[in-house]
Amino acid sequence: MPGPTYSRTRQTSEQKIRHALEGALPKPFWLDQEGKPTTLDPLQEHTQADLVVIGGGYSGLWTALLAKEADPSLSVVLLEGRQVGWAASGRNGGFVESTLTHGKANGERHFPSELGTLNRLGQENFDEFVTTIKRYSIDAELEQPGMLTVATDQYHLADFQEGGPDEQMYDQESISQLVNSPVFLAGRLEHRGVALVNPAKLAWGLQRVCLDLGVRIFENSPALQVRDQGKTVHVRTKRGSVTAKRAALATNAFPSLLKRNALLTIPVYDYVLMTEPLSDEQLKATGWLDRFGITDSSRQFHYYRKTRDNRILFGGYDAIYHKGGHIRGEYEQRQETFELLADHFFTTFPQLDVNFTHAWGGAIDMCTRLTAFQGRAYGGKVAYSAGFTGLGVASTRFGAKVMLDLLSGADTELTRLKLVRTKPLPVPPEPLAYPLIQTMRRAIEKSDANNGKDGLLIKAVETFGIGFDS
């Protein structure tokens, strides 16, 4: 008989959920730890640079780092609106994947003719990502224990019949030897092109390397405007400005400084819970003794992994677009979603009686094709990269390489990619966006509840190349 499944109907008592959540701190676990760098001074004057990078997340940090590696004499300034790594780069799950296309199905939908090339480039980028962390001794708590994808509904099982050369397949009986959960019906364990990191420590480590290489980083210096000045660009902040030969925009979920990109991404909020450290007895009860991360196969999927001190991070499922498309601090807390995630956590591990120490949310830069796009503006003096849709820990490094190639004006393998030469379909502006997104969200929920059978709305939208595979 099928076991319990995930839904919005509670399977855990309200009392247990409330008790587990009552002490959870409303902040990202990763940012609430020792080792956070001292806040850097804001820009308070006019300065000049060869390259100005706007955004101090992974995308901007990789851009600055790679630029200095390629040319140590280059003058590079990085502007961050708050603190380096405080947004998506410091509050994600820490899953590192080689894919540049947000999975095989999405790659086949959008880039079938160059999927082999993108897979190769993605793996090369992943390998360089790992090598860079090791070369600079970045303490990002890098692990490569594999990734377990599980089937949680009968209709998922068709995708678990055969595995690839780097995959191990498990049926319902054998998967219980890996993880003891009544929800799991089958599994696929992958080892190539996947890793885990501490996301905040990765951002802080990249910042340290950038500073060591001579990058000038200014925090609490949000860029307010980018203006074309002919041979240069001018970037204005609240209390200062930068004149530079080239600019790289790495603002991702935040509003683009280019009007042409205003409708190409939307901020979708993802929410996460972190448990207290599990005892040896509790870990043994889960059967999850290895270090691999886990995700399930529904479109509304969960992701979970263990930390260095054996906490369990549990997130996903409830992707929320807030009316108006704004990024606001109050959106980082959503009790309804935290209670839903707690219920799903105890549905997955009913044998556990644990409390959550942290509960938080953060904005993902989502685009309609689910994979990042890049481009140039102002006669090639400005490059941008955005739309990573939740899989940016490694692919932001690739996006940084693309931006630097675009700024160089060179004809390279990266600049010739359809991935780079094309853009996602725009999202309708408000007030149309919110009701349309809510309608699509209900259609996806209905599909998951109906054994993966898509309704007319999803089928119609997919004819425009907009998919919902994850």
Protein backbone atom coordinates (compact mmCIF):
# COMPACT_ATOMS: atom_id res chain seq x y z
CA MET A 1 0.00 0.00 0.00
CA PRO A 2 1.22 3.56 -0.68
CA GLY A 3 2.48 5.43 2.34
CA PRO A 4 1.63 8.99 3.44
CA THR A 5 2.05 11.73 0.86
CA TYR A 6 2.68 15.45 1.02
CA SER A 7 -0.32 17.74 0.88
CA ARG A 8 -1.82 20.81 2.54
CA THR A 9 -3.96 18.56 4.74
CA ARG A 10 -2.11 18.20 8.04
CA GLN A 11 -0.89 14.75 9.04
CA THR A 12 0.87 15.94 12.20
CA SER A 13 -0.91 17.25 15.28
CA GLU A 14 -1.12 21.02 15.62
CA GLN A 15 0.35 20.72 19.10
CA LYS A 16 3.48 18.97 17.86
CA ILE A 17 3.95 21.48 15.04
CA ARG A 18 3.53 24.49 17.35
CA HIS A 19 5.89 23.05 19.94
CA ALA A 20 8.55 22.27 17.34
CA LEU A 21 8.43 25.80 15.91
CA GLU A 22 7.97 27.91 19.04
CA GLY A 23 11.69 28.50 19.66
CA ALA A 24 12.77 28.92 16.04
CA LEU A 25 14.79 32.08 15.45
CA PRO A 26 13.55 34.24 12.56
CA LYS A 27 16.91 34.35 10.78
CA PRO A 28 18.95 32.18 8.39
CA PHE A 29 20.95 29.56 10.26
CA TRP A 30 23.97 30.02 7.99
CA LEU A 31 24.24 33.73 8.76
CA ASP A 32 23.79 33.13 12.49
CA GLN A 33 27.22 31.62 13.14
CA GLU A 34 30.77 32.57 13.95
CA GLY A 35 33.15 33.64 11.22
CA LYS A 36 31.10 36.44 9.71
CA PRO A 37 33.49 39.09 8.33
CA THR A 38 33.61 42.60 9.72
CA THR A 39 31.33 44.96 7.81
CA LEU A 40 33.21 46.91 5.15
CA ASP A 41 32.92 50.67 4.72
CA PRO A 42 30.40 52.14 2.28
CA LEU A 43 31.44 54.11 -0.78
CA GLN A 44 31.40 57.78 0.21
CA GLU A 45 33.27 59.44 -2.64
CA HIS A 46 33.79 59.29 -6.37
CA THR A 47 36.22 56.64 -7.60
CA GLN A 48 37.32 55.09 -10.89
CA ALA A 49 37.84 51.50 -11.99
CA ASP A 50 38.36 49.33 -15.02
CA LEU A 51 35.42 47.17 -13.91
CA VAL A 52 32.61 47.86 -11.48
CA VAL A 53 30.58 44.87 -10.26
CA ILE A 54 27.14 45.55 -8.81
CA GLY A 55 26.02 42.90 -6.32
CA GLY A 56 27.88 41.06 -3.59
CA GLY A 57 26.34 37.61 -3.89
CA TYR A 58 27.89 34.62 -5.62
CA SER A 59 27.39 36.12 -9.08
CA GLY A 60 29.20 39.36 -8.30
CA LEU A 61 31.93 37.73 -6.21
CA TRP A 62 32.76 35.21 -8.92
CA THR A 63 32.85 37.98 -11.52
CA ALA A 64 35.31 40.04 -9.50
CA LEU A 65 37.45 37.02 -8.63
CA LEU A 66 37.66 35.69 -12.20
CA ALA A 67 38.41 39.16 -13.57
CA LYS A 68 41.36 39.58 -11.21
CA GLU A 69 42.64 36.08 -11.91
CA ALA A 70 42.60 36.81 -15.65
CA ASP A 71 44.31 40.21 -15.25
CA PRO A 72 45.78 41.02 -11.82
CA SER A 73 46.47 44.61 -12.95
CA LEU A 74 42.74 45.26 -13.49
CA SER A 75 41.16 47.77 -11.13
CA VAL A 76 37.92 46.18 -9.83
CA VAL A 77 35.29 47.73 -7.54
CA LEU A 78 32.40 45.70 -6.12
CA LEU A 79 29.31 47.45 -4.74
CA GLU A 80 26.98 45.62 -2.34
CA GLY A 81 23.69 47.10 -1.14
CA ARG A 82 23.93 45.57 2.32
CA GLN A 83 26.48 42.91 3.36
CA VAL A 84 28.19 40.40 1.13
CA GLY A 85 26.19 37.16 1.02
CA TRP A 86 23.21 38.40 3.07
CA ALA A 87 20.57 37.59 0.43
CA ALA A 88 20.12 34.37 -1.57
CA SER A 89 23.83 33.51 -1.35
CA GLY A 90 23.69 33.28 2.43
CA ARG A 91 20.31 31.64 2.93
CA ASN A 92 20.02 28.84 0.35
CA GLY A 93 20.27 25.12 1.06
CA GLY A 94 23.90 24.80 0.01
CA PHE A 95 23.23 22.36 -2.84
CA VAL A 96 25.80 22.57 -5.63
CA GLU A 97 24.83 21.08 -9.01
CA SER A 98 26.60 21.08 -12.35
CA THR A 99 23.49 21.66 -14.45
CA LEU A 100 23.27 24.91 -16.40
CA THR A 101 19.77 24.12 -17.70
CA HIS A 102 17.86 23.41 -14.49
CA GLY A 103 17.77 19.70 -15.24
CA LYS A 104 17.65 17.45 -18.28
CA ALA A 105 13.97 17.93 -19.17
CA ASN A 106 14.22 21.71 -19.12
CA GLY A 107 17.41 21.57 -21.17
CA GLU A 108 15.74 19.39 -23.79
CA ARG A 109 12.83 21.82 -23.95
CA HIS A 110 14.93 24.94 -24.58
CA PHE A 111 18.35 23.88 -25.88
CA PRO A 112 18.09 20.42 -27.48
CA SER A 113 20.75 21.06 -30.13
CA GLU A 114 23.42 22.15 -27.66
CA LEU A 115 22.48 20.08 -24.62
CA GLY A 116 25.63 17.96 -24.92
CA THR A 117 27.79 21.09 -24.99
CA LEU A 118 25.96 22.59 -22.02
CA ASN A 119 26.36 19.39 -20.03
CA ARG A 120 30.10 19.42 -20.74
CA LEU A 121 30.45 23.10 -19.88
CA GLY A 122 28.39 22.58 -16.73
CA GLN A 123 30.64 19.77 -15.53
CA GLU A 124 33.77 21.77 -16.37
CA ASN A 125 32.37 24.71 -14.42
CA PHE A 126 31.54 22.44 -11.47
CA ASP A 127 35.06 20.99 -11.46
CA GLU A 128 36.58 24.49 -11.59
CA PHE A 129 34.26 25.55 -8.77
CA VAL A 130 35.58 22.75 -6.56
CA THR A 131 39.19 23.37 -7.60
CA THR A 132 38.94 27.09 -6.78
CA ILE A 133 37.58 26.40 -3.30
CA LYS A 134 40.46 24.05 -2.62
CA ARG A 135 43.12 26.27 -4.21
CA TYR A 136 42.23 29.24 -2.03
CA SER A 137 41.55 27.13 1.09
CA ILE A 138 37.99 28.43 1.38
CA ASP A 139 36.34 26.79 4.39
CA ALA A 140 32.96 26.31 2.73
CA GLU A 141 32.45 22.89 4.36
CA LEU A 142 32.55 21.35 0.89
CA GLU A 143 31.30 17.76 0.71
CA GLN A 144 30.69 15.47 -2.26
CA PRO A 145 28.58 12.64 -0.79
CA GLY A 146 26.05 12.49 -3.64
CA MET A 147 22.40 13.44 -4.10
CA LEU A 148 19.44 11.12 -3.54
CA THR A 149 16.31 11.85 -5.58
CA VAL A 150 13.29 9.97 -4.24
CA ALA A 151 9.88 8.97 -5.55
CA THR A 152 7.10 9.89 -3.14
CA ASP A 153 4.09 9.04 -5.34
CA GLN A 154 3.29 6.02 -7.49
CA TYR A 155 3.36 8.05 -10.70
CA HIS A 156 6.99 9.03 -10.02
CA LEU A 157 8.13 5.41 -10.33
CA ALA A 158 8.28 5.46 -14.13
CA ASP A 159 11.33 7.72 -13.86
CA PHE A 160 13.14 5.28 -11.55
CA GLN A 161 13.39 2.23 -13.80
CA GLU A 162 16.89 2.65 -15.18
CA GLY A 163 19.88 4.61 -13.96
CA GLY A 164 22.87 6.12 -15.68
CA PRO A 165 26.53 5.13 -15.29
CA ASP A 166 27.00 7.42 -12.28
CA GLU A 167 23.73 6.50 -10.56
CA GLN A 168 22.59 3.81 -8.16
CA MET A 169 18.91 2.82 -8.25
CA TYR A 170 16.85 1.68 -5.25
CA ASP A 171 13.38 0.18 -5.04
CA GLN A 172 11.09 0.59 -2.03
CA GLU A 173 12.70 -2.26 -0.13
CA SER A 174 16.31 -1.31 -0.78
CA ILE A 175 15.90 2.43 -0.27
CA SER A 176 14.93 1.81 3.33
CA GLN A 177 18.53 0.74 3.82
CA LEU A 178 19.59 4.30 2.95
CA VAL A 179 16.85 6.30 4.69
CA ASN A 180 14.03 5.08 6.88
CA SER A 181 10.98 7.03 5.71
CA PRO A 182 7.44 5.79 4.98
CA VAL A 183 7.20 8.38 2.18
CA PHE A 184 9.98 6.97 -0.04
CA LEU A 185 8.98 4.52 -2.77
CA ALA A 186 12.20 4.47 -4.80
CA GLY A 187 15.41 6.41 -5.16
CA ARG A 188 18.27 7.38 -7.45
CA LEU A 189 21.64 8.25 -5.92
CA GLU A 190 23.91 10.41 -8.08
CA HIS A 191 27.55 11.17 -7.38
CA ARG A 192 28.85 13.15 -10.36
CA GLY A 193 28.37 16.89 -10.54
CA VAL A 194 26.77 17.34 -7.10
CA ALA A 195 28.10 18.66 -3.80
CA LEU A 196 27.09 20.39 -0.57
CA VAL A 197 28.49 23.58 0.96
CA ASN A 198 27.85 25.96 3.81
CA PRO A 199 26.48 28.79 1.65
CA ALA A 200 27.38 31.73 3.89
CA LYS A 201 30.92 30.47 4.44
CA LEU A 202 31.28 30.11 0.68
CA ALA A 203 30.27 33.76 0.17
CA TRP A 204 32.55 34.93 2.97
CA GLY A 205 35.43 32.88 1.58
CA LEU A 206 34.95 34.34 -1.90
CA GLN A 207 34.93 37.80 -0.35
CA ARG A 208 38.22 37.11 1.41
CA VAL A 209 39.82 35.90 -1.83
CA CYS A 210 38.55 38.95 -3.73
CA LEU A 211 40.05 41.28 -1.13
CA ASP A 212 43.34 39.37 -1.19
CA LEU A 213 43.45 39.77 -4.98
CA GLY A 214 42.97 43.51 -4.69
CA VAL A 215 39.24 43.96 -5.32
CA ARG A 216 37.83 47.03 -3.57
CA ILE A 217 34.53 46.04 -1.92
CA PHE A 218 32.08 48.59 -0.56
CA GLU A 219 29.15 47.37 1.56
CA ASN A 220 25.91 49.25 2.36
CA SER A 221 26.35 50.91 -1.03
CA PRO A 222 23.33 50.09 -3.18
CA ALA A 223 23.70 51.14 -6.81
CA LEU A 224 20.90 53.54 -7.69
CA GLN A 225 21.62 54.19 -11.35
CA VAL A 226 23.87 53.10 -14.22
CA ARG A 227 24.36 55.73 -16.90
CA ASP A 228 26.10 55.52 -20.28
CA GLN A 229 28.81 58.15 -20.65
CA GLY A 230 30.11 57.23 -24.09
CA LYS A 231 33.47 55.59 -23.41
CA THR A 232 32.61 54.82 -19.77
CA VAL A 233 29.66 54.08 -17.50
CA HIS A 234 28.75 55.99 -14.37
CA VAL A 235 27.27 54.20 -11.35
CA ARG A 236 25.66 56.30 -8.64
CA THR A 237 25.23 55.16 -5.04
CA LYS A 238 23.64 56.99 -2.11
CA ARG A 239 26.85 58.69 -1.01
CA GLY A 240 29.31 58.08 -3.84
CA SER A 241 29.83 57.07 -7.45
CA VAL A 242 32.05 55.02 -9.75
CA THR A 243 33.20 55.75 -13.27
CA ALA A 244 34.31 52.56 -15.00
CA LYS A 245 35.21 51.26 -18.43
CA ARG A 246 32.95 48.24 -17.92
CA ALA A 247 30.16 47.20 -15.54
CA ALA A 248 28.76 43.80 -14.56
CA LEU A 249 25.24 43.67 -13.12
CA ALA A 250 24.80 40.82 -10.64
CA THR A 251 21.63 41.91 -8.84
CA ASN A 252 19.60 38.77 -9.69
CA ALA A 253 16.28 38.84 -7.75
CA PHE A 254 16.50 42.56 -7.10
CA PRO A 255 15.07 45.04 -9.63
CA SER A 256 17.31 45.36 -12.66
CA LEU A 257 19.08 48.66 -13.27
CA LEU A 258 18.22 48.13 -16.95
CA LYS A 259 14.61 48.84 -17.92
CA ARG A 260 14.80 46.26 -20.71
CA ASN A 261 15.14 43.50 -18.09
CA ALA A 262 12.39 44.66 -15.74
CA LEU A 263 9.98 41.86 -16.70
CA LEU A 264 12.49 39.03 -17.20
CA THR A 265 12.67 37.93 -13.55
CA ILE A 266 10.35 37.85 -10.56
CA PRO A 267 11.25 37.36 -6.88
CA VAL A 268 9.78 34.09 -5.62
CA TYR A 269 10.21 33.38 -1.91
CA ASP A 270 11.47 30.00 -0.75
CA TYR A 271 11.27 28.93 2.91
CA VAL A 272 13.47 26.74 5.09
CA LEU A 273 13.53 25.11 8.54
CA MET A 274 16.60 23.95 10.46
CA THR A 275 16.41 21.42 13.29
CA GLU A 276 18.45 21.25 16.43
CA PRO A 277 21.44 18.85 16.22
CA LEU A 278 20.28 15.23 16.14
CA SER A 279 21.65 12.75 18.65
CA ASP A 280 23.29 9.52 17.53
CA GLU A 281 20.11 7.66 18.48
CA GLN A 282 17.95 10.00 16.43
CA LEU A 283 20.23 9.69 13.40
CA LYS A 284 20.13 5.92 13.71
CA ALA A 285 16.33 6.03 13.83
CA THR A 286 16.24 7.86 10.49
CA GLY A 287 18.63 5.38 8.90
CA TRP A 288 20.19 8.39 7.16
CA LEU A 289 23.76 7.70 8.22
CA ASP A 290 25.52 8.87 5.06
CA ARG A 291 25.93 12.55 4.15
CA PHE A 292 24.09 12.77 0.79
CA GLY A 293 21.46 15.42 0.20
CA ILE A 294 17.87 14.49 -0.65
CA THR A 295 15.17 15.90 -2.93
CA ASP A 296 11.85 14.50 -4.09
CA SER A 297 10.30 14.31 -7.54
CA SER A 298 7.17 16.45 -7.40
CA ARG A 299 7.04 19.82 -9.10
CA GLN A 300 6.45 21.24 -5.63
CA PHE A 301 9.52 19.54 -4.28
CA HIS A 302 11.38 19.48 -0.97
CA TYR A 303 15.13 19.50 -0.44
CA TYR A 304 16.96 18.48 2.68
CA ARG A 305 20.47 17.79 3.88
CA LYS A 306 22.52 17.48 7.04
CA THR A 307 24.86 20.11 8.40
CA ARG A 308 28.31 19.54 9.83
CA ASP A 309 26.81 19.21 13.35
CA ASN A 310 24.01 16.85 12.17
CA ARG A 311 21.10 19.23 12.02
CA ILE A 312 18.59 18.63 9.21
CA LEU A 313 17.76 21.49 6.87
CA PHE A 314 14.30 21.02 5.33
CA GLY A 315 12.96 23.45 2.74
CA GLY A 316 11.11 23.96 -0.51
CA TYR A 317 7.59 23.00 -1.63
CA ASP A 318 5.90 26.35 -0.99
CA ALA A 319 7.28 28.84 -3.55
CA ILE A 320 5.52 32.15 -2.87
CA TYR A 321 5.21 35.17 -5.13
CA HIS A 322 4.07 38.15 -3.09
CA LYS A 323 1.68 40.61 -4.70
CA GLY A 324 3.51 43.46 -6.36
CA GLY A 325 6.75 41.57 -6.87
CA HIS A 326 8.60 43.43 -4.12
CA ILE A 327 11.49 42.23 -1.95
CA ARG A 328 10.72 43.05 1.67
CA GLY A 329 12.05 41.95 5.02
CA GLU A 330 8.61 40.95 6.29
CA TYR A 331 8.34 38.37 3.50
CA GLU A 332 11.21 36.39 5.03
CA GLN A 333 8.81 35.06 7.67
CA ARG A 334 5.64 33.13 6.74
CA GLN A 335 4.13 31.12 9.57
CA GLU A 336 1.69 29.30 7.29
CA THR A 337 4.56 27.91 5.23
CA PHE A 338 6.69 27.06 8.27
CA GLU A 339 3.80 25.02 9.73
CA LEU A 340 3.34 23.27 6.38
CA LEU A 341 7.05 22.42 6.17
CA ALA A 342 7.04 21.18 9.78
CA ASP A 343 4.11 18.90 8.96
CA HIS A 344 5.93 17.56 5.89
CA PHE A 345 9.11 17.06 7.90
CA PHE A 346 7.32 14.90 10.46
CA THR A 347 5.50 13.09 7.65
CA THR A 348 8.94 12.23 6.26
CA PHE A 349 10.42 11.32 9.65
CA PRO A 350 7.54 10.42 12.00
CA GLN A 351 10.05 8.69 14.29
CA LEU A 352 11.67 12.03 15.19
CA ASP A 353 10.66 14.36 17.99
CA VAL A 354 12.85 17.40 17.42
CA ASN A 355 12.57 21.18 17.56
CA PHE A 356 13.47 23.71 14.90
CA THR A 357 16.04 26.35 15.86
CA HIS A 358 15.81 28.56 12.75
CA ALA A 359 13.08 29.40 10.24
CA TRP A 360 13.65 31.77 7.33
CA GLY A 361 12.87 32.67 3.76
CA GLY A 362 14.55 34.39 0.87
CA ALA A 363 13.92 35.55 -2.68
CA ILE A 364 14.87 33.50 -5.73
CA ASP A 365 15.34 35.22 -9.10
CA MET A 366 12.93 33.17 -11.20
CA CYS A 367 12.52 33.46 -14.97
CA THR A 368 10.10 31.72 -17.32
CA ARG A 369 12.65 29.33 -18.80
CA LEU A 370 13.97 28.42 -15.31
CA THR A 371 17.62 28.88 -16.29
CA ALA A 372 19.82 31.96 -16.24
CA PHE A 373 20.22 34.42 -19.07
CA GLN A 374 23.00 36.88 -19.88
CA GLY A 375 23.39 39.84 -22.20
CA ARG A 376 25.01 43.19 -22.96
CA ALA A 377 23.87 46.81 -22.90
CA TYR A 378 25.23 50.30 -23.56
CA GLY A 379 27.30 49.28 -26.56
CA GLY A 380 28.85 46.32 -24.80
CA LYS A 381 30.13 48.26 -21.79
CA VAL A 382 27.58 46.61 -19.46
CA ALA A 383 26.88 42.90 -19.04
CA TYR A 384 24.27 41.23 -16.88
CA SER A 385 23.37 37.77 -15.59
CA ALA A 386 20.15 36.77 -13.80
CA GLY A 387 17.30 34.24 -13.62
CA PHE A 388 19.07 31.32 -11.92
CA THR A 389 15.77 30.07 -10.42
CA GLY A 390 17.26 28.42 -7.36
CA LEU A 391 20.19 26.57 -8.92
CA GLY A 392 22.80 29.30 -8.81
CA VAL A 393 25.41 28.11 -6.32
CA ALA A 394 27.65 26.76 -9.10
CA SER A 395 26.04 28.24 -12.22
CA THR A 396 26.62 31.81 -11.02
CA ARG A 397 30.30 31.11 -11.64
CA PHE A 398 29.46 30.16 -15.23
CA GLY A 399 27.32 33.29 -15.57
CA ALA A 400 30.29 35.35 -14.36
CA LYS A 401 32.51 33.84 -17.05
CA VAL A 402 29.89 34.66 -19.67
CA MET A 403 29.63 38.27 -18.49
CA LEU A 404 33.41 38.72 -18.69
CA ASP A 405 33.47 37.22 -22.19
CA LEU A 406 30.66 39.56 -23.25
CA LEU A 407 32.48 42.57 -21.81
CA SER A 408 35.66 41.60 -23.64
CA GLY A 409 33.83 41.74 -26.97
CA ALA A 410 35.44 38.45 -27.98
CA ASP A 411 33.69 35.73 -30.00
CA THR A 412 33.94 32.72 -27.68
CA GLU A 413 32.27 29.35 -27.23
CA LEU A 414 30.24 30.85 -24.40
CA THR A 415 29.02 33.94 -26.26
CA ARG A 416 27.90 31.77 -29.20
CA LEU A 417 25.60 29.63 -27.05
CA LYS A 418 21.86 29.86 -27.64
CA LEU A 419 21.65 29.89 -23.85
CA VAL A 420 23.42 33.26 -23.96
CA ARG A 421 22.03 34.68 -27.20
CA THR A 422 18.35 34.23 -26.24
CA LYS A 423 16.19 35.56 -23.44
CA PRO A 424 13.26 34.08 -21.49
CA LEU A 425 9.73 35.20 -22.20
CA PRO A 426 8.81 38.19 -20.02
CA VAL A 427 6.43 37.89 -17.09
CA PRO A 428 3.33 40.07 -17.45
CA PRO A 429 3.49 43.24 -15.35
CA GLU A 430 1.34 43.89 -12.31
CA PRO A 431 -1.58 43.91 -11.76
CA LEU A 432 -1.71 40.91 -14.13
CA ALA A 433 1.27 39.00 -12.70
CA TYR A 434 -0.13 38.11 -9.28
CA PRO A 435 -3.46 36.51 -10.36
CA LEU A 436 -1.75 34.69 -13.25
CA ILE A 437 0.96 33.26 -11.00
CA GLN A 438 -1.59 32.21 -8.39
CA THR A 439 -3.64 30.47 -11.09
CA MET A 440 -0.57 28.59 -12.32
CA ARG A 441 0.35 27.65 -8.75
CA ARG A 442 -3.09 26.09 -8.21
CA ALA A 443 -2.75 24.23 -11.53
CA ILE A 444 0.59 22.76 -10.43
CA GLU A 445 -0.85 21.69 -7.08
CA LYS A 446 -3.74 20.04 -8.91
CA SER A 447 -1.35 18.22 -11.24
CA ASP A 448 0.74 16.88 -8.34
CA ALA A 449 -2.45 15.74 -6.57
CA ASN A 450 -3.74 14.12 -9.78
CA ASN A 451 -0.85 11.70 -10.31
CA GLY A 452 1.09 14.21 -12.39
CA LYS A 453 -1.63 14.62 -15.01
CA ASP A 454 -1.49 18.14 -16.36
CA GLY A 455 -4.61 20.18 -16.94
CA LEU A 456 -5.33 22.29 -20.00
CA LEU A 457 -3.73 25.40 -18.52
CA ILE A 458 -0.31 23.80 -17.97
CA LYS A 459 -0.43 22.16 -21.39
CA ALA A 460 -1.29 25.47 -23.01
CA VAL A 461 1.52 27.33 -21.25
CA GLU A 462 4.04 24.63 -22.19
CA THR A 463 3.33 25.25 -25.89
CA PHE A 464 5.10 28.58 -25.35
CA GLY A 465 8.16 26.79 -23.97
CA ILE A 466 7.35 27.52 -20.33
CA GLY A 467 7.81 24.37 -18.28
CA PHE A 468 7.63 23.50 -14.62
CA ASP A 469 10.08 20.60 -14.33
CA SER A 470 12.59 20.88 -11.52
